[in-house]
Amino acid sequence: MRRLTCALLFVSGLAQTPLAAAMARPEIEATLAAAMTQIVDQYVDPVDPRILMANGLQALKALPGAEQPSRQAAIEQSVLAAQQAEGMTPQTRILAGEILRFANGAPRETALNAALRGMVASLDAYSRVATSAELAPPPASVGLELTMRDGALTVVRPLPGSPGERVGIQAGDIVTSIDGRATERLPLPEAVALLRGTPGTPVMVALRRAGAGDTIVVQPVRGPVQAPPTVRWEMHGAVAVIRVAAFDSTTGGKLREAFDAVSARADAPLAGLVLDLRGNAGGLLDVSEQVAGLVLREGSRIGSLLGRTPADARPLRARDHVVPHDVPVVVLVDHRTAAGAEIVAAAMQDHRRALLIGAKTVGAGTIQTVLALPADQGALVLTTARVHRAGGDPLDAVGVSPDLLLDDATRQIAVHADMAADFNPTVLQQVRMAVATAPAGADVAVLAALAALKPATSKPQ
C-alpha cells in the first residue's frame, strides 16, 4: 500500500487507459467485492455497503445503452433489491448482473468503471479510482502543473522548456476543453489523463485567459518532460533559503543534501533558515515526517492520524534531526500549500520552532492509501485517515494560518490575532519596511522572511 497526502497533479504523471477485453461474471464480481471490502474496512468513516451499491447502480443509468425507460426502471428495481439484500455477496451479485446487461467489450468495461466511480464518488473529494495506466510510468506529456481552482481546471505553471510552455500556455490559464472534451466537472486525474499520450502526438487545448476576449486554442505536441527538482536552495548572506516543491521519494535525501551543502560553507556559520513551502501540495506521508524531523527535536510529535486501522491511527514523530536548534527558522506558505506541506508547517508552528509567513493554506488534512484492485483493474485511492496537529486541532478543511499574514497584492503585513500582543515590534517594523520598499518583481515573501531573521544575522559571530 502506498500512503500519500493530497497533492496537485503534474501532467507528466498519468496516462489514458485502453479498454480491456470483455469480462465474465466471476471477474466482475471479484473486482466489485474487492472494492467494497476495501472501502468498508479502510475508509476513514464507517460506510454502509448498501449505499455503495445504490451509488454504483445509479451511475449505470447515465451510460449509453441505459437510456430506455425500461432499462432505467430495471436499475431502480436492482437498487431496491440491493438495499434489502443481507450481506455483501448478494449485493455484489446484483450490481454485477446489471453490468453484465451491457454489451461485451468496451460497453461492459465502461459500466464496471462507472459503477466503481459511482461508489467512490459518494465518499469524499479526494477518494477516487485510479486506472492501471495511471499507476504506470507515463509515456509523454505536455508539461503542465494543474489544479482545480473554484471548479475550473487551472494551470499553476507550464514546466520550463515543456511543450505547453512552447505553445504559449501561461500560469493562470483555465483549460476549458481537451481534444473537444469539456473539462467542467471533470475530475482532475481524468483531465490530466486526457493530456497524456504517445510521444509526438498533438493534443488540442482550449484556454480561457484573463484579459483575452476569445478562447485561445493551442496544439502542443506530447513529448518527454523532465520533472523539475523538488528541492532548490540559495544563500542570502548567512541565511539559507530552501524551496521544497513537493514531497516525493527523492525529497528527503535532496533536502538533507541541501542542509549538508549549506552547513559546509566556510565563510560563516548558518544564521537562519527559510523553508519555502509555497505551492507545495504535499505528496508522500513518510516524507512529511522526514522533512519535519530534520528541523524539530528528535521524538517531537508532528501530529497524529485518526483512522480506522492501526496504520491510520497513530502519532507522527520527528526523527533524524539535522538543523541545529539555535538556528532560527521561517516557513513560507500560501493558498496552494496543502496536505503534507501543511503537516510540516503546522508542526513547526505548534512547537514554536518557526515563524510562519504568507497566506492561509488549503486545509487538505487527509491521508489517501492506494489499494490495488484484482485483474489489473487499477486501484482505489481511498481517504483512510484525517490529520490532526500536534496540539490536537484538525487540519482538514481548516488549514494553517500564518503568524504573519502577507498580502502580496497590497503589500500589507498583519500579525495573527493570537500573536499580536507579544509580537516583537522591532521585527514587525523591519518586515513591514522590507515589504513596502521591495522593488517591482521581487519575491516579497522571501524579503519578509529575511527581514524577520535580521536580528539573528546581526548577532556577532
Protein backbone atom coordinates (compact mmCIF):
# COMPACT_ATOMS: atom_id res chain seq x y z
CA MET A 1 0.00 0.00 0.00
CA ARG A 2 1.17 3.50 -0.75
CA ARG A 3 0.39 6.31 1.66
CA LEU A 4 0.09 9.81 0.33
CA THR A 5 -1.31 13.19 1.17
CA CYS A 6 -3.35 15.04 -1.43
CA ALA A 7 -1.40 16.99 -3.99
CA LEU A 8 -1.52 18.95 -7.19
CA LEU A 9 -1.11 16.72 -10.19
CA PHE A 10 1.53 17.12 -12.86
CA VAL A 11 0.55 16.24 -16.41
CA SER A 12 3.71 14.14 -16.51
CA GLY A 13 2.11 11.70 -14.06
CA LEU A 14 -0.88 9.96 -15.64
CA ALA A 15 -1.84 8.10 -18.78
CA GLN A 16 -5.01 7.07 -20.56
CA THR A 17 -6.33 3.56 -20.12
CA PRO A 18 -7.05 1.22 -23.04
CA LEU A 19 -10.31 -0.66 -22.71
CA ALA A 20 -9.92 -4.28 -21.68
CA ALA A 21 -11.50 -7.29 -23.31
CA ALA A 22 -14.93 -8.49 -22.29
CA MET A 23 -15.23 -9.58 -18.69
CA ALA A 24 -17.19 -12.51 -17.32
CA ARG A 25 -19.27 -12.53 -14.15
CA PRO A 26 -16.57 -14.04 -11.83
CA GLU A 27 -14.07 -11.32 -12.74
CA ILE A 28 -16.63 -8.54 -12.37
CA GLU A 29 -17.84 -9.87 -9.03
CA ALA A 30 -14.25 -10.25 -7.77
CA THR A 31 -13.45 -6.63 -8.66
CA LEU A 32 -16.63 -5.30 -7.05
CA ALA A 33 -16.14 -7.41 -3.93
CA ALA A 34 -12.54 -6.25 -3.55
CA ALA A 35 -13.56 -2.61 -3.93
CA MET A 36 -16.42 -2.91 -1.46
CA THR A 37 -14.31 -4.76 1.11
CA GLN A 38 -11.52 -2.18 0.94
CA ILE A 39 -13.94 0.72 1.30
CA VAL A 40 -15.90 -0.85 4.15
CA ASP A 41 -12.76 -1.92 6.03
CA GLN A 42 -10.42 1.01 5.46
CA TYR A 43 -12.30 4.19 4.58
CA VAL A 44 -11.87 6.82 7.29
CA ASP A 45 -15.57 6.76 8.22
CA PRO A 46 -17.90 3.75 8.57
CA VAL A 47 -19.74 3.06 5.30
CA ASP A 48 -22.98 1.17 4.68
CA PRO A 49 -22.33 -1.22 1.76
CA ARG A 50 -25.96 -0.85 0.66
CA ILE A 51 -25.32 2.83 -0.01
CA LEU A 52 -22.22 1.93 -2.03
CA MET A 53 -24.27 -0.49 -4.10
CA ALA A 54 -27.01 2.06 -4.69
CA ASN A 55 -24.50 4.66 -5.87
CA GLY A 56 -22.78 2.14 -8.15
CA LEU A 57 -26.11 1.17 -9.71
CA GLN A 58 -27.27 4.76 -10.11
CA ALA A 59 -24.06 5.54 -12.03
CA LEU A 60 -25.07 3.00 -14.69
CA LYS A 61 -28.21 4.99 -15.56
CA ALA A 62 -26.16 7.74 -17.22
CA LEU A 63 -24.39 5.38 -19.65
CA PRO A 64 -25.19 4.85 -23.34
CA GLY A 65 -27.41 1.81 -23.62
CA ALA A 66 -29.32 2.56 -20.43
CA GLU A 67 -31.48 5.41 -21.73
CA GLN A 68 -34.67 3.44 -22.29
CA PRO A 69 -37.36 3.80 -19.59
CA SER A 70 -37.49 0.02 -19.14
CA ARG A 71 -33.73 -0.10 -18.51
CA GLN A 72 -33.93 2.78 -16.04
CA ALA A 73 -36.77 1.05 -14.22
CA ALA A 74 -34.79 -2.21 -14.07
CA ILE A 75 -31.85 -0.44 -12.48
CA GLU A 76 -34.16 1.15 -9.90
CA GLN A 77 -35.52 -2.29 -9.09
CA SER A 78 -31.95 -3.51 -8.59
CA VAL A 79 -31.30 -0.58 -6.26
CA LEU A 80 -34.27 -1.65 -4.12
CA ALA A 81 -33.16 -5.27 -4.19
CA ALA A 82 -29.62 -4.36 -3.13
CA GLN A 83 -30.95 -2.28 -0.23
CA GLN A 84 -32.97 -5.25 1.02
CA ALA A 85 -30.24 -7.86 0.47
CA GLU A 86 -28.35 -9.06 3.53
CA GLY A 87 -24.58 -9.33 3.13
CA MET A 88 -22.04 -8.14 0.64
CA THR A 89 -22.10 -11.19 -1.65
CA PRO A 90 -25.74 -10.90 -2.78
CA GLN A 91 -25.36 -7.12 -3.13
CA THR A 92 -22.31 -7.62 -5.34
CA ARG A 93 -24.16 -10.14 -7.50
CA ILE A 94 -26.99 -7.67 -8.09
CA LEU A 95 -24.61 -4.95 -9.29
CA ALA A 96 -22.64 -7.44 -11.40
CA GLY A 97 -25.88 -8.58 -13.02
CA GLU A 98 -26.69 -5.05 -14.16
CA ILE A 99 -23.16 -4.57 -15.51
CA LEU A 100 -23.46 -7.82 -17.49
CA ARG A 101 -26.51 -6.43 -19.28
CA PHE A 102 -24.19 -4.08 -21.15
CA ALA A 103 -22.67 -5.42 -24.38
CA ASN A 104 -19.41 -7.35 -24.33
CA GLY A 105 -16.19 -5.39 -24.70
CA ALA A 106 -15.93 -1.65 -24.24
CA PRO A 107 -19.54 -1.03 -23.03
CA ARG A 108 -19.20 -3.59 -20.24
CA GLU A 109 -15.76 -2.31 -19.23
CA THR A 110 -17.18 1.22 -19.17
CA ALA A 111 -20.07 0.04 -16.99
CA LEU A 112 -17.74 -1.58 -14.47
CA ASN A 113 -15.63 1.57 -14.28
CA ALA A 114 -18.74 3.74 -13.91
CA ALA A 115 -20.02 1.57 -11.07
CA LEU A 116 -16.69 1.77 -9.24
CA ARG A 117 -16.52 5.53 -9.73
CA GLY A 118 -20.09 5.93 -8.55
CA MET A 119 -19.29 4.03 -5.37
CA VAL A 120 -16.17 6.06 -4.62
CA ALA A 121 -17.63 9.44 -5.63
CA SER A 122 -20.04 9.20 -2.71
CA LEU A 123 -17.18 9.19 -0.18
CA ASP A 124 -15.25 12.48 -0.35
CA ALA A 125 -13.47 14.82 -2.76
CA TYR A 126 -10.12 13.02 -2.56
CA SER A 127 -11.09 9.36 -2.91
CA ARG A 128 -11.12 8.12 -6.49
CA VAL A 129 -10.50 5.23 -8.87
CA ALA A 130 -7.04 5.13 -10.46
CA THR A 131 -6.61 3.20 -13.70
CA SER A 132 -3.72 0.77 -14.12
CA ALA A 133 -2.19 3.13 -16.68
CA GLU A 134 -2.21 5.97 -14.14
CA LEU A 135 -0.04 3.87 -11.86
CA ALA A 136 2.48 3.03 -14.59
CA PRO A 137 5.38 5.23 -15.76
CA PRO A 138 4.00 7.81 -18.20
CA PRO A 139 4.95 7.76 -21.90
CA ALA A 140 4.78 11.51 -22.68
CA SER A 141 3.20 14.75 -21.53
CA VAL A 142 2.64 18.38 -22.41
CA GLY A 143 4.34 19.52 -19.20
CA LEU A 144 1.73 21.43 -17.24
CA GLU A 145 1.22 21.64 -13.49
CA LEU A 146 -2.54 21.74 -12.94
CA THR A 147 -5.01 22.21 -10.13
CA MET A 148 -8.75 22.63 -9.71
CA ARG A 149 -9.48 26.19 -8.57
CA ASP A 150 -13.08 27.18 -7.90
CA GLY A 151 -14.17 24.24 -10.03
CA ALA A 152 -12.02 25.24 -13.04
CA LEU A 153 -9.04 23.30 -14.40
CA THR A 154 -6.30 25.87 -13.89
CA VAL A 155 -2.68 25.96 -14.99
CA VAL A 156 -0.39 26.51 -12.00
CA ARG A 157 2.53 26.82 -14.39
CA PRO A 158 3.98 25.23 -17.52
CA LEU A 159 7.20 23.37 -16.79
CA PRO A 160 10.28 25.12 -18.22
CA GLY A 161 11.02 24.00 -21.78
CA SER A 162 7.89 21.86 -21.96
CA PRO A 163 5.58 21.51 -24.98
CA GLY A 164 2.98 23.51 -23.08
CA GLU A 165 5.36 26.40 -22.50
CA ARG A 166 6.50 26.37 -26.12
CA VAL A 167 2.94 26.93 -27.43
CA GLY A 168 2.38 29.82 -25.02
CA ILE A 169 0.32 28.32 -22.20
CA GLN A 170 0.63 30.56 -19.14
CA ALA A 171 0.15 30.30 -15.40
CA GLY A 172 -3.45 31.17 -14.54
CA ASP A 173 -4.89 29.94 -17.84
CA ILE A 174 -8.09 27.94 -17.45
CA VAL A 175 -8.28 24.80 -19.59
CA THR A 176 -11.85 24.63 -20.86
CA SER A 177 -11.56 21.61 -23.15
CA ILE A 178 -9.08 18.93 -24.22
CA ASP A 179 -9.48 17.45 -27.69
CA GLY A 180 -13.06 18.75 -27.67
CA ARG A 181 -14.00 17.28 -24.29
CA ALA A 182 -15.17 19.89 -21.78
CA THR A 183 -13.27 19.93 -18.50
CA GLU A 184 -16.12 21.36 -16.42
CA ARG A 185 -16.93 18.90 -13.60
CA LEU A 186 -14.28 16.52 -14.96
CA PRO A 187 -12.19 15.03 -12.13
CA LEU A 188 -8.64 16.35 -12.14
CA PRO A 189 -7.00 12.92 -12.70
CA GLU A 190 -9.19 12.30 -15.74
CA ALA A 191 -8.41 15.71 -17.18
CA VAL A 192 -4.71 15.05 -16.67
CA ALA A 193 -5.05 11.65 -18.35
CA LEU A 194 -6.51 13.28 -21.47
CA LEU A 195 -3.32 15.30 -21.86
CA ARG A 196 -1.12 12.19 -21.68
CA GLY A 197 -0.36 10.02 -24.68
CA THR A 198 2.12 8.75 -27.21
CA PRO A 199 5.26 10.85 -27.81
CA GLY A 200 4.92 13.01 -30.91
CA THR A 201 1.13 13.16 -30.92
CA PRO A 202 -0.68 16.53 -30.74
CA VAL A 203 -3.48 17.44 -28.35
CA MET A 204 -5.93 20.31 -28.85
CA VAL A 205 -6.22 22.50 -25.74
CA ALA A 206 -8.76 25.34 -25.41
CA LEU A 207 -7.92 28.03 -22.86
CA ARG A 208 -9.64 30.94 -21.19
CA ARG A 209 -7.23 33.71 -20.19
CA ALA A 210 -7.85 36.80 -18.11
CA GLY A 211 -7.95 39.86 -20.38
CA ALA A 212 -8.43 37.82 -23.56
CA GLY A 213 -11.86 38.16 -25.09
CA ASP A 214 -11.84 34.99 -27.18
CA THR A 215 -10.99 31.39 -26.41
CA ILE A 216 -7.34 30.58 -27.09
CA VAL A 217 -6.71 27.26 -28.83
CA VAL A 218 -3.22 25.71 -28.85
CA GLN A 219 -1.91 22.36 -30.01
CA PRO A 220 1.15 21.18 -28.05
CA VAL A 221 2.87 18.01 -29.18
CA ARG A 222 3.34 15.46 -26.42
CA GLY A 223 6.93 14.69 -25.53
CA PRO A 224 9.22 13.63 -22.69
CA VAL A 225 9.32 16.17 -19.88
CA GLN A 226 11.85 16.19 -17.10
CA ALA A 227 10.15 16.82 -13.77
CA PRO A 228 11.63 19.86 -12.00
CA PRO A 229 13.76 19.27 -8.90
CA THR A 230 11.76 19.14 -5.70
CA VAL A 231 14.49 20.89 -3.68
CA ARG A 232 16.44 24.04 -4.58
CA TRP A 233 18.48 26.29 -2.34
CA GLU A 234 20.38 29.56 -2.35
CA MET A 235 22.25 31.67 0.20
CA HIS A 236 21.46 35.22 1.23
CA GLY A 237 24.49 36.07 3.29
CA ALA A 238 24.43 33.63 6.21
CA VAL A 239 20.76 32.70 5.68
CA ALA A 240 19.78 29.67 3.59
CA VAL A 241 16.58 29.77 1.54
CA ILE A 242 15.49 26.23 0.66
CA ARG A 243 12.49 25.71 -1.62
CA VAL A 244 10.69 22.38 -1.41
CA ALA A 245 8.22 22.00 -4.29
CA ALA A 246 6.78 18.56 -3.44
CA PHE A 247 7.23 15.58 -1.15
CA ASP A 248 8.23 12.68 -3.39
CA SER A 249 10.56 9.74 -2.85
CA THR A 250 13.65 11.88 -3.55
CA THR A 251 12.77 14.87 -1.38
CA GLY A 252 14.13 13.66 1.95
CA GLY A 253 17.54 12.82 0.53
CA LYS A 254 17.72 16.00 -1.55
CA LEU A 255 16.79 18.14 1.43
CA ARG A 256 19.46 16.51 3.58
CA GLU A 257 21.99 17.14 0.80
CA ALA A 258 20.93 20.78 0.74
CA PHE A 259 21.41 21.08 4.50
CA ASP A 260 24.84 19.46 4.21
CA ALA A 261 25.83 21.86 1.43
CA VAL A 262 24.63 24.85 3.41
CA SER A 263 26.44 23.69 6.55
CA ALA A 264 29.66 23.17 4.60
CA ARG A 265 30.00 26.88 3.88
CA ALA A 266 33.29 28.05 5.27
CA ASP A 267 32.74 31.82 5.35
CA ALA A 268 30.15 31.97 8.17
CA PRO A 269 28.02 29.75 10.41
CA LEU A 270 24.40 29.37 9.37
CA ALA A 271 22.46 32.26 10.90
CA GLY A 272 18.97 31.40 9.71
CA LEU A 273 16.87 29.13 7.52
CA VAL A 274 13.92 29.96 5.27
CA LEU A 275 11.92 26.87 4.33
CA ASP A 276 9.76 27.80 1.34
CA LEU A 277 6.67 25.59 1.07
CA ARG A 278 4.64 27.87 -1.20
CA GLY A 279 2.88 25.92 -3.92
CA ASN A 280 3.83 22.62 -2.26
CA ALA A 281 0.74 20.44 -2.40
CA GLY A 282 2.19 17.58 -0.42
CA GLY A 283 2.96 14.05 -1.54
CA LEU A 284 4.11 11.05 0.49
CA LEU A 285 3.27 10.92 4.18
CA ASP A 286 6.60 9.48 5.34
CA VAL A 287 8.41 12.30 3.54
CA SER A 288 6.36 14.82 5.52
CA GLU A 289 7.63 13.15 8.69
CA GLN A 290 11.19 13.23 7.35
CA VAL A 291 11.07 16.92 6.46
CA ALA A 292 9.61 17.98 9.81
CA GLY A 293 12.04 15.70 11.63
CA LEU A 294 15.06 17.38 10.06
CA VAL A 295 14.21 20.57 11.95
CA LEU A 296 12.28 19.52 15.06
CA ARG A 297 13.80 17.84 18.10
CA GLU A 298 14.03 14.05 17.97
CA GLY A 299 10.78 12.45 19.11
CA SER A 300 8.70 15.61 18.89
CA ARG A 301 5.07 14.99 18.00
CA ILE A 302 4.49 16.25 14.46
CA GLY A 303 0.81 15.39 14.51
CA SER A 304 -1.44 12.35 14.58
CA LEU A 305 -3.55 10.24 12.24
CA LEU A 306 -7.15 9.39 13.05
CA GLY A 307 -8.42 6.44 11.06
CA ARG A 308 -9.96 3.01 11.49
CA THR A 309 -6.89 0.76 11.14
CA PRO A 310 -3.70 0.64 13.27
CA ALA A 311 -1.68 2.12 10.40
CA ASP A 312 -4.10 5.03 10.20
CA ALA A 313 -4.43 5.71 13.92
CA ARG A 314 -1.01 6.67 15.25
CA PRO A 315 1.18 9.63 16.18
CA LEU A 316 3.64 11.16 13.70
CA ARG A 317 7.07 11.64 15.28
CA ALA A 318 10.16 13.65 14.33
CA ARG A 319 13.36 11.75 13.61
CA ASP A 320 16.80 12.25 12.03
CA HIS A 321 17.28 15.79 13.27
CA VAL A 322 19.77 17.89 11.24
CA VAL A 323 19.22 21.64 11.67
CA PRO A 324 20.81 23.00 14.90
CA HIS A 325 18.22 24.08 17.45
CA ASP A 326 19.73 27.56 17.77
CA VAL A 327 19.25 28.34 14.07
CA PRO A 328 16.06 30.42 13.68
CA VAL A 329 13.61 29.25 11.02
CA VAL A 330 10.97 30.98 8.89
CA VAL A 331 8.47 28.89 6.91
CA LEU A 332 6.74 30.42 3.87
CA VAL A 333 3.25 29.17 2.97
CA ASP A 334 0.48 30.30 0.64
CA HIS A 335 -3.01 29.40 -0.54
CA ARG A 336 -1.56 26.47 -2.55
CA THR A 337 0.33 24.89 0.37
CA ALA A 338 -1.50 21.67 1.15
CA ALA A 339 -1.51 18.23 2.73
CA GLY A 340 2.00 17.06 3.68
CA ALA A 341 3.37 20.60 3.48
CA GLU A 342 0.63 21.71 5.86
CA ILE A 343 1.63 18.96 8.28
CA VAL A 344 5.19 20.30 8.32
CA ALA A 345 4.16 23.95 8.65
CA ALA A 346 1.67 23.20 11.45
CA ALA A 347 4.24 21.19 13.41
CA MET A 348 6.81 24.00 13.15
CA GLN A 349 4.20 26.47 14.36
CA ASP A 350 2.89 24.30 17.21
CA HIS A 351 6.39 23.73 18.59
CA ARG A 352 7.27 27.43 18.10
CA ARG A 353 10.21 26.28 16.03
CA ALA A 354 9.48 28.60 13.12
CA LEU A 355 7.76 31.84 12.24
CA LEU A 356 5.17 31.27 9.51
CA ILE A 357 4.73 33.99 6.87
CA GLY A 358 2.30 34.05 3.96
CA ALA A 359 -1.36 33.19 3.35
CA LYS A 360 -3.71 30.65 4.89
CA THR A 361 -3.13 27.16 3.48
CA VAL A 362 -5.55 24.83 1.67
CA GLY A 363 -6.75 22.63 4.52
CA ALA A 364 -6.21 19.26 2.81
CA GLY A 365 -5.51 17.36 6.01
CA THR A 366 -6.37 13.84 4.91
CA ILE A 367 -4.34 10.75 4.05
CA GLN A 368 -5.01 8.62 0.98
CA THR A 369 -3.95 4.99 0.57
CA VAL A 370 -3.59 3.29 -2.82
CA LEU A 371 -5.30 -0.13 -2.70
CA ALA A 372 -4.92 -2.40 -5.72
CA LEU A 373 -7.89 -4.00 -7.46
CA PRO A 374 -7.66 -7.53 -8.93
CA ALA A 375 -7.09 -8.46 -12.57
CA ASP A 376 -5.14 -5.30 -13.42
CA GLN A 377 -8.24 -3.16 -12.89
CA GLY A 378 -6.22 -0.33 -11.34
CA ALA A 379 -6.61 0.78 -7.74
CA LEU A 380 -8.75 2.67 -5.30
CA VAL A 381 -7.26 5.82 -3.83
CA LEU A 382 -9.13 5.97 -0.52
CA THR A 383 -9.10 8.52 2.26
CA THR A 384 -8.07 6.37 5.20
CA ALA A 385 -7.15 8.95 7.87
CA ARG A 386 -7.50 12.56 8.93
CA VAL A 387 -4.54 14.53 10.21
CA HIS A 388 -4.58 16.42 13.48
CA ARG A 389 -1.92 18.89 14.53
CA ALA A 390 0.50 18.31 17.39
CA GLY A 391 -1.82 20.39 19.56
CA GLY A 392 -4.83 18.24 18.62
CA ASP A 393 -6.67 20.55 16.21
CA PRO A 394 -7.71 19.13 12.81
CA LEU A 395 -6.04 20.24 9.59
CA ASP A 396 -8.73 19.05 7.21
CA ALA A 397 -10.84 21.95 5.90
CA VAL A 398 -9.14 24.27 8.42
CA GLY A 399 -5.61 24.72 7.13
CA VAL A 400 -2.77 26.65 8.74
CA SER A 401 -2.97 30.38 9.44
CA PRO A 402 0.47 32.04 9.31
CA ASP A 403 1.83 34.10 12.18
CA LEU A 404 2.37 36.98 9.76
CA LEU A 405 -0.30 37.25 7.06
CA LEU A 406 1.16 38.66 3.84
CA ASP A 407 -0.99 40.14 1.08
CA ASP A 408 1.27 40.17 -1.99
CA ALA A 409 -1.09 42.39 -3.97
CA THR A 410 -1.34 45.19 -1.43
CA ARG A 411 1.99 44.52 0.29
CA GLN A 412 0.34 44.52 3.66
CA ILE A 413 1.54 42.54 6.68
CA ALA A 414 -0.79 41.68 9.55
CA VAL A 415 0.05 39.81 12.75
CA HIS A 416 -2.17 36.86 13.58
CA ALA A 417 -4.53 37.72 16.41
CA ASP A 418 -3.05 35.04 18.69
CA MET A 419 0.40 36.66 18.47
CA ALA A 420 -0.48 40.35 18.24
CA ALA A 421 0.05 41.14 21.91
CA ASP A 422 3.50 39.56 22.17
CA PHE A 423 4.99 40.05 18.72
CA ASN A 424 8.34 41.87 18.67
CA PRO A 425 7.55 45.39 17.39
CA THR A 426 11.08 45.90 16.05
CA VAL A 427 10.90 42.74 13.95
CA LEU A 428 7.42 43.68 12.73
CA GLN A 429 8.65 47.12 11.67
CA GLN A 430 11.59 45.58 9.80
CA VAL A 431 9.33 43.17 7.98
CA ARG A 432 6.83 45.86 7.03
CA MET A 433 9.60 48.11 5.76
CA ALA A 434 11.11 45.31 3.66
CA VAL A 435 7.73 44.51 2.11
CA ALA A 436 6.79 48.14 1.46
CA THR A 437 10.11 49.00 -0.21
CA ALA A 438 10.51 45.78 -2.22
CA PRO A 439 11.29 46.54 -5.88
CA ALA A 440 8.86 45.51 -8.60
CA GLY A 441 9.15 41.86 -9.45
CA ALA A 442 10.88 40.96 -6.19
CA ASP A 443 9.91 37.91 -4.16
CA VAL A 444 8.20 39.82 -1.37
CA ALA A 445 7.72 36.79 0.87
CA VAL A 446 11.42 35.95 0.83
CA LEU A 447 12.30 39.58 1.59
CA ALA A 448 9.88 39.47 4.52
CA ALA A 449 11.49 36.27 5.81
CA LEU A 450 15.00 37.72 5.55
CA ALA A 451 13.87 40.83 7.39
CA ALA A 452 12.33 38.70 10.16
CA LEU A 453 15.68 36.90 10.54
CA LYS A 454 17.71 40.10 10.52
CA PRO A 455 18.19 40.24 14.31
CA ALA A 456 19.71 36.74 14.17
CA THR A 457 22.02 37.60 11.28
CA SER A 458 23.15 40.73 13.05
CA LYS A 459 24.47 38.86 16.08
CA PRO A 460 28.26 38.77 16.48
CA GLN A 461 29.69 35.56 15.03
